[in-house]
PDB file of N, CA and C in Angstrom:
ATOM      1  N   MET A   1     -91.122   6.003 -38.097  1.00  0.00           N
ATOM      2  CA  MET A   1     -89.751   6.766 -38.753  1.00  0.00           C
ATOM      3  C   MET A   1     -88.876   5.615 -39.321  1.00  0.00           C
ATOM      4  N   GLU A   2     -88.442   5.211 -40.382  1.00  0.00           N
ATOM      5  CA  GLU A   2     -87.681   4.018 -40.846  1.00  0.00           C
ATOM      6  C   GLU A   2     -86.131   4.406 -40.731  1.00  0.00           C
ATOM      7  N   TYR A   3     -85.201   3.813 -40.070  1.00  0.00           N
ATOM      8  CA  TYR A   3     -83.636   3.648 -40.272  1.00  0.00           C
ATOM      9  C   TYR A   3     -83.125   3.013 -41.365  1.00  0.00           C
ATOM     10  N   GLU A   4     -82.175   3.346 -42.071  1.00  0.00           N
ATOM     11  CA  GLU A   4     -81.388   2.864 -42.945  1.00  0.00           C
ATOM     12  C   GLU A   4     -80.212   2.492 -42.616  1.00  0.00           C
ATOM     13  N   THR A   5     -79.661   1.288 -42.745  1.00  0.00           N
ATOM     14  CA  THR A   5     -78.111   0.863 -42.296  1.00  0.00           C
ATOM     15  C   THR A   5     -77.245   1.927 -43.300  1.00  0.00           C
ATOM     16  N   ILE A   6     -75.599   2.200 -42.670  1.00  0.00           N
ATOM     17  CA  ILE A   6     -75.043   2.739 -43.462  1.00  0.00           C
ATOM     18  C   ILE A   6     -73.580   1.748 -43.702  1.00  0.00           C
ATOM     19  N   ASN A   7     -73.514   1.777 -44.938  1.00  0.00           N
ATOM     20  CA  ASN A   7     -72.588   0.654 -45.089  1.00  0.00           C
ATOM     21  C   ASN A   7     -71.267   1.481 -45.268  1.00  0.00           C
ATOM     22  N   LEU A   8     -70.140   1.417 -44.392  1.00  0.00           N
ATOM     23  CA  LEU A   8     -69.085   2.314 -43.962  1.00  0.00           C
ATOM     24  C   LEU A   8     -67.984   1.823 -44.732  1.00  0.00           C
ATOM     25  N   LYS A   9     -67.774   0.949 -45.385  1.00  0.00           N
ATOM     26  CA  LYS A   9     -66.843   0.409 -46.057  1.00  0.00           C
ATOM     27  C   LYS A   9     -67.246   0.757 -47.925  1.00  0.00           C
ATOM     28  N   ASN A  10     -68.766   1.094 -47.722  1.00  0.00           N
ATOM     29  CA  ASN A  10     -68.789   1.460 -49.377  1.00  0.00           C
ATOM     30  C   ASN A  10     -68.538   2.986 -49.299  1.00  0.00           C
ATOM     31  N   LYS A  11     -69.155   3.553 -48.274  1.00  0.00           N
ATOM     32  CA  LYS A  11     -68.784   5.312 -48.140  1.00  0.00           C
ATOM     33  C   LYS A  11     -67.184   5.474 -48.208  1.00  0.00           C
ATOM     34  N   LEU A  12     -66.337   4.790 -47.628  1.00  0.00           N
ATOM     35  CA  LEU A  12     -65.047   4.903 -47.895  1.00  0.00           C
ATOM     36  C   LEU A  12     -64.489   4.744 -49.056  1.00  0.00           C
ATOM     37  N   SER A  13     -65.076   3.962 -49.988  1.00  0.00           N
ATOM     38  CA  SER A  13     -64.490   3.617 -51.277  1.00  0.00           C
ATOM     39  C   SER A  13     -65.153   4.828 -52.106  1.00  0.00           C
ATOM     40  N   LYS A  14     -65.995   5.905 -51.672  1.00  0.00           N
ATOM     41  CA  LYS A  14     -66.273   6.808 -52.667  1.00  0.00           C
ATOM     42  C   LYS A  14     -65.393   8.223 -52.859  1.00  0.00           C
ATOM     43  N   PHE A  15     -64.466   7.930 -51.882  1.00  0.00           N
ATOM     44  CA  PHE A  15     -63.237   9.115 -51.758  1.00  0.00           C
ATOM     45  C   PHE A  15     -62.085   8.856 -51.655  1.00  0.00           C
ATOM     46  N   SER A  16     -61.160   9.212 -52.154  1.00  0.00           N
ATOM     47  CA  SER A  16     -59.579   8.768 -51.472  1.00  0.00           C
ATOM     48  C   SER A  16     -58.747   9.977 -50.889  1.00  0.00           C
ATOM     49  N   GLU A  17     -59.101  11.016 -50.400  1.00  0.00           N
ATOM     50  CA  GLU A  17     -58.362  12.220 -50.008  1.00  0.00           C
ATOM     51  C   GLU A  17     -58.342  11.736 -48.599  1.00  0.00           C
ATOM     52  N   LEU A  18     -57.309  11.686 -47.929  1.00  0.00           N
ATOM     53  CA  LEU A  18     -57.093  12.150 -46.623  1.00  0.00           C
ATOM     54  C   LEU A  18     -57.306  12.912 -45.631  1.00  0.00           C
ATOM     55  N   TRP A  19     -57.981  12.897 -44.543  1.00  0.00           N
ATOM     56  CA  TRP A  19     -58.244  13.982 -43.593  1.00  0.00           C
ATOM     57  C   TRP A  19     -59.123  15.071 -44.376  1.00  0.00           C
ATOM     58  N   SER A  20     -60.253  14.696 -45.192  1.00  0.00           N
ATOM     59  CA  SER A  20     -60.974  15.495 -45.478  1.00  0.00           C
ATOM     60  C   SER A  20     -62.587  14.745 -45.280  1.00  0.00           C
ATOM     61  N   PRO A  21     -63.400  15.259 -44.212  1.00  0.00           N
ATOM     62  CA  PRO A  21     -64.474  14.707 -43.633  1.00  0.00           C
ATOM     63  C   PRO A  21     -65.609  15.091 -44.768  1.00  0.00           C
ATOM     64  N   ARG A  22     -66.053  13.999 -44.930  1.00  0.00           N
ATOM     65  CA  ARG A  22     -67.401  13.886 -45.890  1.00  0.00           C
ATOM     66  C   ARG A  22     -68.495  13.593 -45.108  1.00  0.00           C
ATOM     67  N   VAL A  23     -69.884  14.154 -45.680  1.00  0.00           N
ATOM     68  CA  VAL A  23     -71.121  13.798 -44.669  1.00  0.00           C
ATOM     69  C   VAL A  23     -71.416  12.720 -45.386  1.00  0.00           C
ATOM     70  N   ILE A  24     -72.000  11.508 -44.700  1.00  0.00           N
ATOM     71  CA  ILE A  24     -72.410  10.491 -44.975  1.00  0.00           C
ATOM     72  C   ILE A  24     -73.956  10.217 -44.638  1.00  0.00           C
ATOM     73  N   ALA A  25     -74.507  10.884 -43.716  1.00  0.00           N
ATOM     74  CA  ALA A  25     -75.807  11.038 -43.383  1.00  0.00           C
ATOM     75  C   ALA A  25     -76.221  12.343 -42.559  1.00  0.00           C
ATOM     76  N   GLU A  26     -77.532  12.441 -42.715  1.00  0.00           N
ATOM     77  CA  GLU A  26     -78.225  13.710 -42.072  1.00  0.00           C
ATOM     78  C   GLU A  26     -79.211  13.497 -41.067  1.00  0.00           C
ATOM     79  N   MET A  27     -79.590  14.066 -40.045  1.00  0.00           N
ATOM     80  CA  MET A  27     -80.654  13.544 -39.378  1.00  0.00           C
ATOM     81  C   MET A  27     -81.061  14.998 -38.422  1.00  0.00           C
ATOM     82  N   ASN A  28     -82.117  15.429 -38.563  1.00  0.00           N
ATOM     83  CA  ASN A  28     -82.605  16.583 -37.908  1.00  0.00           C
ATOM     84  C   ASN A  28     -81.719  17.665 -38.429  1.00  0.00           C
ATOM     85  N   ASP A  29     -80.950  18.327 -37.224  1.00  0.00           N
ATOM     86  CA  ASP A  29     -79.982  19.231 -37.579  1.00  0.00           C
ATOM     87  C   ASP A  29     -78.479  18.981 -37.496  1.00  0.00           C
ATOM     88  N   TYR A  30     -78.385  17.503 -37.555  1.00  0.00           N
ATOM     89  CA  TYR A  30     -77.256  17.062 -37.379  1.00  0.00           C
ATOM     90  C   TYR A  30     -76.602  16.291 -38.732  1.00  0.00           C
ATOM     91  N   GLN A  31     -75.049  16.590 -38.718  1.00  0.00           N
ATOM     92  CA  GLN A  31     -74.658  15.710 -40.125  1.00  0.00           C
ATOM     93  C   GLN A  31     -73.501  14.847 -39.471  1.00  0.00           C
ATOM     94  N   PHE A  32     -73.549  13.617 -39.941  1.00  0.00           N
ATOM     95  CA  PHE A  32     -72.482  12.486 -39.745  1.00  0.00           C
ATOM     96  C   PHE A  32     -71.560  12.729 -40.858  1.00  0.00           C
ATOM     97  N   LYS A  33     -70.246  12.593 -40.330  1.00  0.00           N
ATOM     98  CA  LYS A  33     -68.972  12.650 -41.032  1.00  0.00           C
ATOM     99  C   LYS A  33     -68.373  11.409 -40.886  1.00  0.00           C
ATOM    100  N   LEU A  34     -67.380  11.148 -42.155  1.00  0.00           N
ATOM    101  CA  LEU A  34     -66.301   9.965 -42.086  1.00  0.00           C
ATOM    102  C   LEU A  34     -65.332  10.477 -42.940  1.00  0.00           C
ATOM    103  N   ALA A  35     -63.937  10.401 -42.190  1.00  0.00           N
ATOM    104  CA  ALA A  35     -62.901  10.617 -42.861  1.00  0.00           C
ATOM    105  C   ALA A  35     -61.838   9.622 -42.910  1.00  0.00           C
ATOM    106  N   LYS A  36     -61.112   9.523 -43.926  1.00  0.00           N
ATOM    107  CA  LYS A  36     -59.915   8.707 -44.195  1.00  0.00           C
ATOM    108  C   LYS A  36     -58.846   9.189 -43.232  1.00  0.00           C
ATOM    109  N   GLY A  37     -57.950   8.463 -42.828  1.00  0.00           N
ATOM    110  CA  GLY A  37     -56.686   8.640 -42.117  1.00  0.00           C
ATOM    111  C   GLY A  37     -55.763   7.897 -42.364  1.00  0.00           C
ATOM    112  N   ASP A  38     -54.380   8.384 -42.007  1.00  0.00           N
ATOM    113  CA  ASP A  38     -53.191   7.306 -42.289  1.00  0.00           C
ATOM    114  C   ASP A  38     -52.899   6.443 -40.895  1.00  0.00           C
ATOM    115  N   VAL A  39     -52.803   5.462 -40.795  1.00  0.00           N
ATOM    116  CA  VAL A  39     -52.348   4.743 -39.100  1.00  0.00           C
ATOM    117  C   VAL A  39     -50.993   4.434 -39.618  1.00  0.00           C
ATOM    118  N   TYR A  40     -50.004   4.790 -38.555  1.00  0.00           N
ATOM    119  CA  TYR A  40     -48.845   4.164 -38.514  1.00  0.00           C
ATOM    120  C   TYR A  40     -48.757   3.216 -37.527  1.00  0.00           C
ATOM    121  N   ARG A  41     -48.136   2.271 -37.444  1.00  0.00           N
ATOM    122  CA  ARG A  41     -48.246   0.935 -36.454  1.00  0.00           C
ATOM    123  C   ARG A  41     -47.015   0.782 -36.106  1.00  0.00           C
TER     124      ARG A  41
END
């Protein structure tokens, strides 16, 4: 089985909504999700 590297910066650039998780990969019965958030410092 071959694995493919996921470029998180590229995936984040494909959407702009905050707190709206998107599926970026799937493996077996699992979904890997990524969401943008607001960080206050």
